[in-house]
Amino acid sequence: MTPRLICFNKPYGVLSQFTPEGRWQGLKGYIDLPGVYVAGRLDADSEGLLLLTDDGPLQARISSPRFKMEKTYWVQVEGVPDAAALETLRRGVSLKDGMTLPARARLLEPAPALWERDPPIRQRQSIPTAWLELVIREGRNRQVRRMTAAVGFPTLRLVRAAIGPYALGDLAPGRWREAAPPA
């Protein structure tokens, strides 16, 4: 039997689990498919691509750090990172739990055409913001946010745009579609 693979555009405020918790919603209100489970995590305050599958080995291949599947994030940060900050992200950043693996990092100009976030991010008139594309191959807790903060540019908005070969594309927030599992 061919495994099912679901691409879901997780909105802000939704957990990477089916049951709600506290002020956060669960996936149950968006995905009513028996037998599928989340492959990997995306924090409630982050948005974007979340993969779900009904196949245990595929779930492990997507989510386990030992397979080093690339994850692409679009990150709106406070301030405009300079060449030195981008180079630090590319080389690896020293965090409390150790050095990160080298990442691919670049400014996104123009900013990605995304949906409005609800609630909107806080913006200060005197401080500009910029968008980065950050591609990592590990998945530590809140890693992207900690990396941008470590180089002096706190994350305001975080959207996962792709996991390996799977991308958000034009998938609207709160919507899902079937995808072909990897061969």
N, C-alpha and C. Protein backbone atom coordinates (compact mmCIF):
# COMPACT_ATOMS: atom_id res chain seq x y z
N MET A 1 0.84 -1.19 0.00
CA MET A 1 0.00 0.00 0.00
C MET A 1 0.89 1.25 0.00
N THR A 2 0.56 2.21 -0.85
CA THR A 2 1.33 3.45 -0.92
C THR A 2 1.03 4.32 0.29
N PRO A 3 2.09 4.81 0.95
CA PRO A 3 1.85 5.69 2.10
C PRO A 3 1.20 7.00 1.68
N ARG A 4 0.43 7.56 2.59
CA ARG A 4 -0.15 8.89 2.37
C ARG A 4 0.83 9.93 2.88
N LEU A 5 0.94 11.03 2.14
CA LEU A 5 1.74 12.16 2.58
C LEU A 5 0.90 13.40 2.37
N ILE A 6 0.72 14.16 3.43
CA ILE A 6 -0.12 15.36 3.42
C ILE A 6 0.76 16.58 3.65
N CYS A 7 0.61 17.59 2.80
CA CYS A 7 1.24 18.89 2.99
C CYS A 7 0.18 19.82 3.56
N PHE A 8 0.47 20.42 4.70
CA PHE A 8 -0.47 21.30 5.38
C PHE A 8 0.19 22.65 5.63
N ASN A 9 -0.51 23.73 5.35
CA ASN A 9 -0.02 25.07 5.66
C ASN A 9 -0.55 25.45 7.03
N LYS A 10 0.29 25.25 8.04
CA LYS A 10 -0.11 25.47 9.43
C LYS A 10 -0.19 26.97 9.74
N PRO A 11 -1.36 27.43 10.14
CA PRO A 11 -1.47 28.84 10.52
C PRO A 11 -0.81 29.13 11.87
N TYR A 12 -0.57 30.41 12.11
CA TYR A 12 -0.10 30.87 13.41
C TYR A 12 -1.13 30.44 14.47
N GLY A 13 -0.65 30.02 15.64
CA GLY A 13 -1.55 29.68 16.74
C GLY A 13 -2.05 28.25 16.74
N VAL A 14 -1.53 27.43 15.84
CA VAL A 14 -1.94 26.02 15.76
C VAL A 14 -0.74 25.16 16.15
N LEU A 15 -0.99 24.20 17.02
CA LEU A 15 0.06 23.28 17.45
C LEU A 15 0.31 22.20 16.41
N SER A 16 1.45 21.55 16.48
CA SER A 16 1.78 20.42 15.60
C SER A 16 1.28 19.11 16.22
N GLN A 17 0.06 19.14 16.70
CA GLN A 17 -0.60 17.97 17.29
C GLN A 17 -2.10 18.14 17.09
N PHE A 18 -2.83 17.05 17.21
CA PHE A 18 -4.26 17.12 16.92
C PHE A 18 -5.07 17.74 18.05
N THR A 19 -4.61 17.61 19.28
CA THR A 19 -5.39 18.13 20.40
C THR A 19 -4.97 19.55 20.76
N PRO A 20 -5.94 20.43 21.03
CA PRO A 20 -5.60 21.79 21.45
C PRO A 20 -5.01 21.78 22.86
N GLU A 21 -4.30 22.85 23.19
CA GLU A 21 -3.68 22.97 24.51
C GLU A 21 -3.67 24.44 24.90
N GLY A 22 -4.31 24.77 26.01
CA GLY A 22 -4.34 26.16 26.45
C GLY A 22 -4.95 27.06 25.39
N ARG A 23 -4.22 28.12 25.05
CA ARG A 23 -4.74 29.08 24.07
C ARG A 23 -4.50 28.65 22.62
N TRP A 24 -3.76 27.55 22.43
CA TRP A 24 -3.40 27.11 21.07
C TRP A 24 -4.38 26.07 20.54
N GLN A 25 -4.71 26.18 19.25
CA GLN A 25 -5.56 25.21 18.58
C GLN A 25 -4.76 23.96 18.21
N GLY A 26 -5.47 22.86 17.96
CA GLY A 26 -4.84 21.65 17.46
C GLY A 26 -5.16 21.47 15.98
N LEU A 27 -4.57 20.46 15.37
CA LEU A 27 -4.78 20.19 13.94
C LEU A 27 -6.17 19.63 13.65
N LYS A 28 -6.85 19.12 14.66
CA LYS A 28 -8.14 18.45 14.49
C LYS A 28 -9.15 19.32 13.74
N GLY A 29 -9.11 20.62 13.96
CA GLY A 29 -10.05 21.53 13.30
C GLY A 29 -9.74 21.74 11.82
N TYR A 30 -8.59 21.25 11.35
CA TYR A 30 -8.17 21.47 9.97
C TYR A 30 -8.05 20.18 9.16
N ILE A 31 -7.65 19.10 9.83
CA ILE A 31 -7.37 17.85 9.13
C ILE A 31 -8.17 16.74 9.79
N ASP A 32 -9.11 16.17 9.06
CA ASP A 32 -9.93 15.09 9.57
C ASP A 32 -9.64 13.83 8.77
N LEU A 33 -8.42 13.34 8.91
CA LEU A 33 -7.99 12.13 8.21
C LEU A 33 -7.51 11.12 9.24
N PRO A 34 -8.18 10.00 9.38
CA PRO A 34 -7.73 9.02 10.37
C PRO A 34 -6.39 8.41 9.97
N GLY A 35 -5.57 8.17 10.98
CA GLY A 35 -4.34 7.43 10.77
C GLY A 35 -3.14 8.20 10.27
N VAL A 36 -3.24 9.54 10.14
CA VAL A 36 -2.05 10.30 9.74
C VAL A 36 -1.47 10.99 10.98
N TYR A 37 -0.14 11.10 10.97
CA TYR A 37 0.58 11.67 12.11
C TYR A 37 1.59 12.69 11.60
N VAL A 38 1.88 13.65 12.45
CA VAL A 38 2.81 14.71 12.10
C VAL A 38 4.22 14.16 11.98
N ALA A 39 4.91 14.57 10.93
CA ALA A 39 6.32 14.21 10.73
C ALA A 39 7.14 15.48 10.98
N GLY A 40 7.63 15.64 12.20
CA GLY A 40 8.36 16.84 12.57
C GLY A 40 7.47 17.80 13.33
N ARG A 41 8.05 18.92 13.74
CA ARG A 41 7.31 19.90 14.54
C ARG A 41 7.46 21.29 13.95
N LEU A 42 6.50 22.11 14.26
CA LEU A 42 6.56 23.53 13.94
C LEU A 42 5.86 24.24 15.09
N ASP A 43 6.56 25.14 15.76
CA ASP A 43 6.01 25.80 16.94
C ASP A 43 4.68 26.49 16.63
N ALA A 44 3.86 26.64 17.68
CA ALA A 44 2.55 27.28 17.51
C ALA A 44 2.68 28.70 16.97
N ASP A 45 3.77 29.40 17.33
CA ASP A 45 3.94 30.78 16.87
C ASP A 45 4.69 30.86 15.54
N SER A 46 4.87 29.72 14.88
CA SER A 46 5.45 29.68 13.53
C SER A 46 4.38 29.22 12.56
N GLU A 47 4.60 29.50 11.29
CA GLU A 47 3.61 29.17 10.26
C GLU A 47 4.27 28.34 9.17
N GLY A 48 3.45 27.78 8.31
CA GLY A 48 3.99 27.16 7.11
C GLY A 48 3.86 25.67 7.03
N LEU A 49 4.74 25.08 6.23
CA LEU A 49 4.63 23.68 5.83
C LEU A 49 4.84 22.71 6.99
N LEU A 50 3.85 21.84 7.13
CA LEU A 50 3.91 20.73 8.07
C LEU A 50 3.53 19.49 7.27
N LEU A 51 4.31 18.43 7.39
CA LEU A 51 4.01 17.19 6.68
C LEU A 51 3.41 16.19 7.65
N LEU A 52 2.43 15.44 7.15
CA LEU A 52 1.80 14.37 7.92
C LEU A 52 1.79 13.12 7.05
N THR A 53 1.91 11.96 7.69
CA THR A 53 1.91 10.71 6.95
C THR A 53 1.30 9.60 7.80
N ASP A 54 0.91 8.52 7.14
CA ASP A 54 0.41 7.34 7.84
C ASP A 54 1.46 6.23 7.88
N ASP A 55 2.70 6.57 7.50
CA ASP A 55 3.77 5.58 7.37
C ASP A 55 4.90 5.90 8.36
N GLY A 56 5.14 4.98 9.31
CA GLY A 56 6.15 5.20 10.34
C GLY A 56 7.56 5.43 9.80
N PRO A 57 8.06 4.56 8.90
CA PRO A 57 9.40 4.79 8.37
C PRO A 57 9.52 6.12 7.61
N LEU A 58 8.48 6.51 6.88
CA LEU A 58 8.52 7.80 6.18
C LEU A 58 8.51 8.94 7.18
N GLN A 59 7.72 8.81 8.23
CA GLN A 59 7.69 9.83 9.29
C GLN A 59 9.08 10.01 9.89
N ALA A 60 9.78 8.91 10.14
CA ALA A 60 11.13 8.99 10.70
C ALA A 60 12.10 9.61 9.71
N ARG A 61 11.98 9.26 8.43
CA ARG A 61 12.90 9.81 7.43
C ARG A 61 12.74 11.32 7.30
N ILE A 62 11.51 11.82 7.45
CA ILE A 62 11.25 13.26 7.35
C ILE A 62 11.72 13.99 8.61
N SER A 63 11.44 13.42 9.77
CA SER A 63 11.64 14.17 11.01
C SER A 63 12.95 13.90 11.74
N SER A 64 13.58 12.77 11.53
CA SER A 64 14.78 12.44 12.29
C SER A 64 15.98 13.26 11.82
N PRO A 65 16.70 13.89 12.76
CA PRO A 65 17.88 14.67 12.39
C PRO A 65 18.96 13.84 11.69
N ARG A 66 18.98 12.53 11.92
CA ARG A 66 20.05 11.74 11.31
C ARG A 66 19.92 11.66 9.79
N PHE A 67 18.74 11.94 9.25
CA PHE A 67 18.57 11.94 7.79
C PHE A 67 18.87 13.31 7.18
N LYS A 68 18.99 14.33 8.03
CA LYS A 68 19.39 15.69 7.62
C LYS A 68 18.61 16.23 6.42
N MET A 69 17.28 16.03 6.43
CA MET A 69 16.44 16.58 5.37
C MET A 69 16.42 18.10 5.51
N GLU A 70 16.70 18.80 4.43
CA GLU A 70 16.74 20.26 4.48
C GLU A 70 15.35 20.84 4.75
N LYS A 71 15.35 21.90 5.56
CA LYS A 71 14.13 22.66 5.83
C LYS A 71 14.42 24.11 5.48
N THR A 72 13.54 24.70 4.69
CA THR A 72 13.72 26.08 4.23
C THR A 72 12.74 26.98 4.97
N TYR A 73 13.28 28.02 5.58
CA TYR A 73 12.47 28.97 6.35
C TYR A 73 12.60 30.36 5.76
N TRP A 74 11.49 31.08 5.75
CA TRP A 74 11.48 32.50 5.44
C TRP A 74 11.28 33.21 6.77
N VAL A 75 12.22 34.06 7.11
CA VAL A 75 12.27 34.65 8.45
C VAL A 75 12.26 36.17 8.35
N GLN A 76 11.24 36.79 8.93
CA GLN A 76 11.23 38.25 9.02
C GLN A 76 11.92 38.62 10.33
N VAL A 77 12.97 39.42 10.21
CA VAL A 77 13.75 39.79 11.39
C VAL A 77 13.69 41.30 11.62
N GLU A 78 13.97 41.66 12.86
CA GLU A 78 14.05 43.07 13.23
C GLU A 78 15.44 43.55 12.83
N GLY A 79 15.49 44.61 12.02
CA GLY A 79 16.76 45.11 11.52
C GLY A 79 17.07 44.51 10.16
N VAL A 80 18.19 44.92 9.59
CA VAL A 80 18.61 44.41 8.28
C VAL A 80 20.00 43.78 8.45
N PRO A 81 20.06 42.44 8.37
CA PRO A 81 21.35 41.76 8.56
C PRO A 81 22.39 42.19 7.53
N ASP A 82 23.61 42.36 8.00
CA ASP A 82 24.72 42.72 7.11
C ASP A 82 25.43 41.45 6.65
N ALA A 83 26.45 41.63 5.83
CA ALA A 83 27.19 40.49 5.28
C ALA A 83 27.81 39.63 6.39
N ALA A 84 28.29 40.26 7.46
CA ALA A 84 28.92 39.51 8.55
C ALA A 84 27.90 38.61 9.26
N ALA A 85 26.70 39.11 9.50
CA ALA A 85 25.67 38.29 10.15
C ALA A 85 25.29 37.10 9.27
N LEU A 86 25.13 37.35 7.97
CA LEU A 86 24.79 36.26 7.05
C LEU A 86 25.91 35.22 7.00
N GLU A 87 27.15 35.67 7.01
CA GLU A 87 28.29 34.74 6.97
C GLU A 87 28.34 33.90 8.25
N THR A 88 28.02 34.49 9.39
CA THR A 88 27.99 33.74 10.64
C THR A 88 26.92 32.65 10.57
N LEU A 89 25.73 32.99 10.05
CA LEU A 89 24.68 31.99 9.88
C LEU A 89 25.15 30.86 8.96
N ARG A 90 25.87 31.22 7.91
CA ARG A 90 26.35 30.22 6.94
C ARG A 90 27.40 29.28 7.55
N ARG A 91 28.23 29.80 8.44
CA ARG A 91 29.29 28.99 9.04
C ARG A 91 28.79 28.12 10.19
N GLY A 92 27.73 28.55 10.83
CA GLY A 92 27.23 27.88 12.03
C GLY A 92 27.27 28.86 13.18
N VAL A 93 26.27 28.78 14.03
CA VAL A 93 26.11 29.72 15.13
C VAL A 93 26.29 28.99 16.45
N SER A 94 26.99 29.61 17.37
CA SER A 94 27.16 29.04 18.70
C SER A 94 25.92 29.35 19.54
N LEU A 95 25.22 28.28 19.93
CA LEU A 95 24.04 28.39 20.80
C LEU A 95 24.35 27.72 22.13
N LYS A 96 23.50 27.87 23.12
CA LYS A 96 23.75 27.27 24.44
C LYS A 96 23.90 25.76 24.35
N ASP A 97 23.23 25.12 23.38
CA ASP A 97 23.33 23.66 23.24
C ASP A 97 24.35 23.25 22.18
N GLY A 98 25.27 24.16 21.83
CA GLY A 98 26.36 23.83 20.91
C GLY A 98 26.25 24.53 19.58
N MET A 99 27.23 24.28 18.74
CA MET A 99 27.27 24.89 17.40
C MET A 99 26.21 24.28 16.50
N THR A 100 25.59 25.13 15.69
CA THR A 100 24.68 24.62 14.67
C THR A 100 25.50 24.17 13.48
N LEU A 101 24.91 23.34 12.66
CA LEU A 101 25.55 22.99 11.39
C LEU A 101 25.53 24.23 10.50
N PRO A 102 26.43 24.30 9.53
CA PRO A 102 26.36 25.42 8.59
C PRO A 102 24.98 25.46 7.90
N ALA A 103 24.52 26.66 7.62
CA ALA A 103 23.22 26.86 6.99
C ALA A 103 23.41 27.65 5.70
N ARG A 104 22.43 27.60 4.84
CA ARG A 104 22.41 28.53 3.71
C ARG A 104 21.58 29.72 4.16
N ALA A 105 22.08 30.91 3.93
CA ALA A 105 21.39 32.12 4.38
C ALA A 105 21.54 33.21 3.33
N ARG A 106 20.43 33.87 3.03
CA ARG A 106 20.47 35.00 2.11
C ARG A 106 19.29 35.93 2.41
N LEU A 107 19.50 37.21 2.06
CA LEU A 107 18.40 38.16 2.16
C LEU A 107 17.40 37.85 1.06
N LEU A 108 16.12 37.96 1.37
CA LEU A 108 15.07 37.78 0.36
C LEU A 108 14.60 39.17 -0.08
N GLU A 109 14.98 39.54 -1.28
CA GLU A 109 14.56 40.83 -1.83
C GLU A 109 14.04 40.59 -3.23
N PRO A 110 12.77 40.87 -3.48
CA PRO A 110 11.79 41.45 -2.56
C PRO A 110 11.33 40.42 -1.52
N ALA A 111 10.61 40.92 -0.53
CA ALA A 111 10.06 40.04 0.50
C ALA A 111 9.10 39.04 -0.14
N PRO A 112 8.96 37.85 0.42
CA PRO A 112 8.03 36.88 -0.15
C PRO A 112 6.59 37.39 -0.08
N ALA A 113 5.81 37.03 -1.08
CA ALA A 113 4.38 37.42 -1.12
C ALA A 113 3.61 36.43 -0.26
N LEU A 114 3.32 36.83 0.96
CA LEU A 114 2.65 35.94 1.91
C LEU A 114 1.30 36.51 2.33
N TRP A 115 0.51 35.68 2.93
CA TRP A 115 -0.77 36.05 3.52
C TRP A 115 -0.54 36.94 4.74
N GLU A 116 -1.56 37.67 5.13
CA GLU A 116 -1.49 38.47 6.36
C GLU A 116 -1.50 37.54 7.56
N ARG A 117 -0.69 37.83 8.54
CA ARG A 117 -0.71 37.01 9.75
C ARG A 117 -1.74 37.55 10.71
N ASP A 118 -2.44 36.65 11.41
CA ASP A 118 -3.42 37.04 12.41
C ASP A 118 -3.02 36.36 13.72
N PRO A 119 -2.56 37.14 14.71
CA PRO A 119 -2.44 38.59 14.75
C PRO A 119 -1.19 39.05 14.00
N PRO A 120 -1.20 40.31 13.56
CA PRO A 120 -0.02 40.83 12.86
C PRO A 120 1.19 40.91 13.79
N ILE A 121 2.38 40.92 13.21
CA ILE A 121 3.59 41.05 14.03
C ILE A 121 3.65 42.47 14.59
N ARG A 122 4.40 42.62 15.68
CA ARG A 122 4.61 43.97 16.21
C ARG A 122 5.68 44.64 15.35
N GLN A 123 5.44 45.86 15.01
CA GLN A 123 6.45 46.60 14.25
C GLN A 123 6.69 47.93 14.92
N ARG A 124 7.97 48.32 14.91
CA ARG A 124 8.33 49.62 15.46
C ARG A 124 8.73 50.51 14.30
N GLN A 125 8.19 51.70 14.27
CA GLN A 125 8.41 52.61 13.14
C GLN A 125 9.88 52.94 12.94
N SER A 126 10.64 52.98 14.02
CA SER A 126 12.03 53.41 13.92
C SER A 126 12.99 52.27 13.54
N ILE A 127 12.49 51.03 13.51
CA ILE A 127 13.38 49.89 13.21
C ILE A 127 12.87 49.16 11.96
N PRO A 128 13.68 49.11 10.92
CA PRO A 128 13.26 48.40 9.71
C PRO A 128 13.26 46.89 9.93
N THR A 129 12.60 46.17 9.05
CA THR A 129 12.64 44.71 9.09
C THR A 129 13.16 44.21 7.75
N ALA A 130 13.61 42.96 7.74
CA ALA A 130 14.09 42.33 6.51
C ALA A 130 13.66 40.87 6.53
N TRP A 131 13.63 40.27 5.36
CA TRP A 131 13.32 38.84 5.23
C TRP A 131 14.57 38.09 4.84
N LEU A 132 14.79 36.95 5.50
CA LEU A 132 15.89 36.05 5.19
C LEU A 132 15.33 34.71 4.73
N GLU A 133 16.09 34.03 3.89
CA GLU A 133 15.83 32.62 3.65
C GLU A 133 16.94 31.86 4.36
N LEU A 134 16.55 30.95 5.21
CA LEU A 134 17.49 30.16 5.99
C LEU A 134 17.19 28.69 5.74
N VAL A 135 18.19 27.94 5.29
CA VAL A 135 18.03 26.51 5.01
C VAL A 135 18.92 25.75 5.97
N ILE A 136 18.28 24.91 6.81
CA ILE A 136 19.02 24.15 7.82
C ILE A 136 18.76 22.66 7.64
N ARG A 137 19.65 21.85 8.25
CA ARG A 137 19.52 20.40 8.14
C ARG A 137 19.39 19.73 9.51
N GLU A 138 19.06 20.51 10.50
CA GLU A 138 18.82 19.95 11.83
C GLU A 138 17.53 20.57 12.35
N GLY A 139 17.08 20.18 13.49
CA GLY A 139 15.80 20.70 13.96
C GLY A 139 15.75 20.85 15.46
N ARG A 140 16.68 21.60 16.00
CA ARG A 140 16.67 21.83 17.45
C ARG A 140 15.48 22.71 17.82
N ASN A 141 15.12 22.66 19.09
CA ASN A 141 14.00 23.44 19.58
C ASN A 141 14.22 24.94 19.32
N ARG A 142 13.31 25.53 18.59
CA ARG A 142 13.31 26.97 18.27
C ARG A 142 14.64 27.43 17.66
N GLN A 143 15.26 26.55 16.89
CA GLN A 143 16.60 26.78 16.37
C GLN A 143 16.72 28.04 15.52
N VAL A 144 15.81 28.23 14.56
CA VAL A 144 15.94 29.38 13.66
C VAL A 144 15.83 30.68 14.46
N ARG A 145 14.88 30.74 15.37
CA ARG A 145 14.73 31.94 16.21
C ARG A 145 15.99 32.20 17.04
N ARG A 146 16.57 31.15 17.58
CA ARG A 146 17.78 31.31 18.39
C ARG A 146 18.97 31.72 17.52
N MET A 147 19.03 31.20 16.30
CA MET A 147 20.14 31.56 15.39
C MET A 147 20.07 33.04 15.01
N THR A 148 18.90 33.53 14.62
CA THR A 148 18.82 34.94 14.22
C THR A 148 19.06 35.86 15.40
N ALA A 149 18.58 35.48 16.59
CA ALA A 149 18.83 36.29 17.78
C ALA A 149 20.33 36.32 18.10
N ALA A 150 21.01 35.19 17.92
CA ALA A 150 22.44 35.10 18.24
C ALA A 150 23.28 36.02 17.36
N VAL A 151 22.81 36.32 16.15
CA VAL A 151 23.56 37.23 15.29
C VAL A 151 22.99 38.66 15.35
N GLY A 152 22.09 38.90 16.31
CA GLY A 152 21.63 40.27 16.58
C GLY A 152 20.37 40.70 15.84
N PHE A 153 19.63 39.74 15.27
CA PHE A 153 18.43 40.10 14.51
C PHE A 153 17.27 39.20 14.93
N PRO A 154 16.51 39.62 15.96
CA PRO A 154 15.44 38.79 16.48
C PRO A 154 14.36 38.50 15.42
N THR A 155 13.84 37.29 15.47
CA THR A 155 12.78 36.86 14.55
C THR A 155 11.45 37.49 14.95
N LEU A 156 10.77 38.07 13.97
CA LEU A 156 9.43 38.60 14.16
C LEU A 156 8.37 37.65 13.60
N ARG A 157 8.69 37.00 12.50
CA ARG A 157 7.76 36.08 11.85
C ARG A 157 8.57 34.95 11.21
N LEU A 158 8.07 33.74 11.35
CA LEU A 158 8.79 32.57 10.85
C LEU A 158 7.83 31.69 10.06
N VAL A 159 8.17 31.45 8.79
CA VAL A 159 7.34 30.64 7.91
C VAL A 159 8.22 29.55 7.31
N ARG A 160 7.84 28.28 7.51
CA ARG A 160 8.58 27.19 6.87
C ARG A 160 8.03 27.05 5.45
N ALA A 161 8.90 27.26 4.47
CA ALA A 161 8.49 27.26 3.07
C ALA A 161 8.66 25.90 2.41
N ALA A 162 9.58 25.07 2.93
CA ALA A 162 9.81 23.77 2.30
C ALA A 162 10.46 22.81 3.27
N ILE A 163 10.20 21.52 3.03
CA ILE A 163 10.87 20.42 3.72
C ILE A 163 11.34 19.49 2.62
N GLY A 164 12.65 19.39 2.45
CA GLY A 164 13.18 18.57 1.35
C GLY A 164 12.56 19.02 0.03
N PRO A 165 12.00 18.08 -0.75
CA PRO A 165 11.43 18.43 -2.05
C PRO A 165 10.00 18.99 -1.97
N TYR A 166 9.43 19.07 -0.78
CA TYR A 166 8.04 19.51 -0.63
C TYR A 166 7.99 20.99 -0.26
N ALA A 167 7.23 21.77 -1.03
CA ALA A 167 7.16 23.22 -0.80
C ALA A 167 5.71 23.65 -0.61
N LEU A 168 5.55 24.79 0.08
CA LEU A 168 4.21 25.35 0.28
C LEU A 168 3.52 25.68 -1.03
N GLY A 169 4.28 26.29 -1.95
CA GLY A 169 3.66 26.73 -3.20
C GLY A 169 2.53 27.70 -2.90
N ASP A 170 1.38 27.48 -3.52
CA ASP A 170 0.23 28.39 -3.33
C ASP A 170 -0.78 27.85 -2.33
N LEU A 171 -0.36 26.92 -1.48
CA LEU A 171 -1.25 26.34 -0.48
C LEU A 171 -1.62 27.40 0.56
N ALA A 172 -2.90 27.67 0.70
CA ALA A 172 -3.38 28.71 1.62
C ALA A 172 -3.29 28.24 3.07
N PRO A 173 -3.14 29.16 4.02
CA PRO A 173 -3.10 28.79 5.43
C PRO A 173 -4.36 28.01 5.82
N GLY A 174 -4.17 26.94 6.60
CA GLY A 174 -5.29 26.13 7.05
C GLY A 174 -5.73 25.08 6.04
N ARG A 175 -5.08 25.01 4.90
CA ARG A 175 -5.45 24.05 3.84
C ARG A 175 -4.39 22.96 3.74
N TRP A 176 -4.79 21.83 3.17
CA TRP A 176 -3.86 20.72 2.96
C TRP A 176 -4.09 20.12 1.59
N ARG A 177 -3.06 19.38 1.14
CA ARG A 177 -3.16 18.64 -0.13
C ARG A 177 -2.32 17.38 -0.01
N GLU A 178 -2.68 16.39 -0.81
CA GLU A 178 -1.91 15.14 -0.87
C GLU A 178 -0.68 15.39 -1.72
N ALA A 179 0.41 14.70 -1.40
CA ALA A 179 1.64 14.78 -2.17
C ALA A 179 2.12 13.35 -2.41
N ALA A 180 2.92 13.19 -3.45
CA ALA A 180 3.50 11.87 -3.73
C ALA A 180 4.64 11.63 -2.76
N PRO A 181 4.61 10.51 -2.02
CA PRO A 181 5.73 10.23 -1.13
C PRO A 181 7.00 9.99 -1.91
N PRO A 182 8.16 10.19 -1.29
CA PRO A 182 9.42 9.97 -2.01
C PRO A 182 9.56 8.50 -2.41
N ALA A 183 10.24 8.28 -3.49
CA ALA A 183 10.42 6.90 -3.97
C ALA A 183 11.36 6.12 -3.09
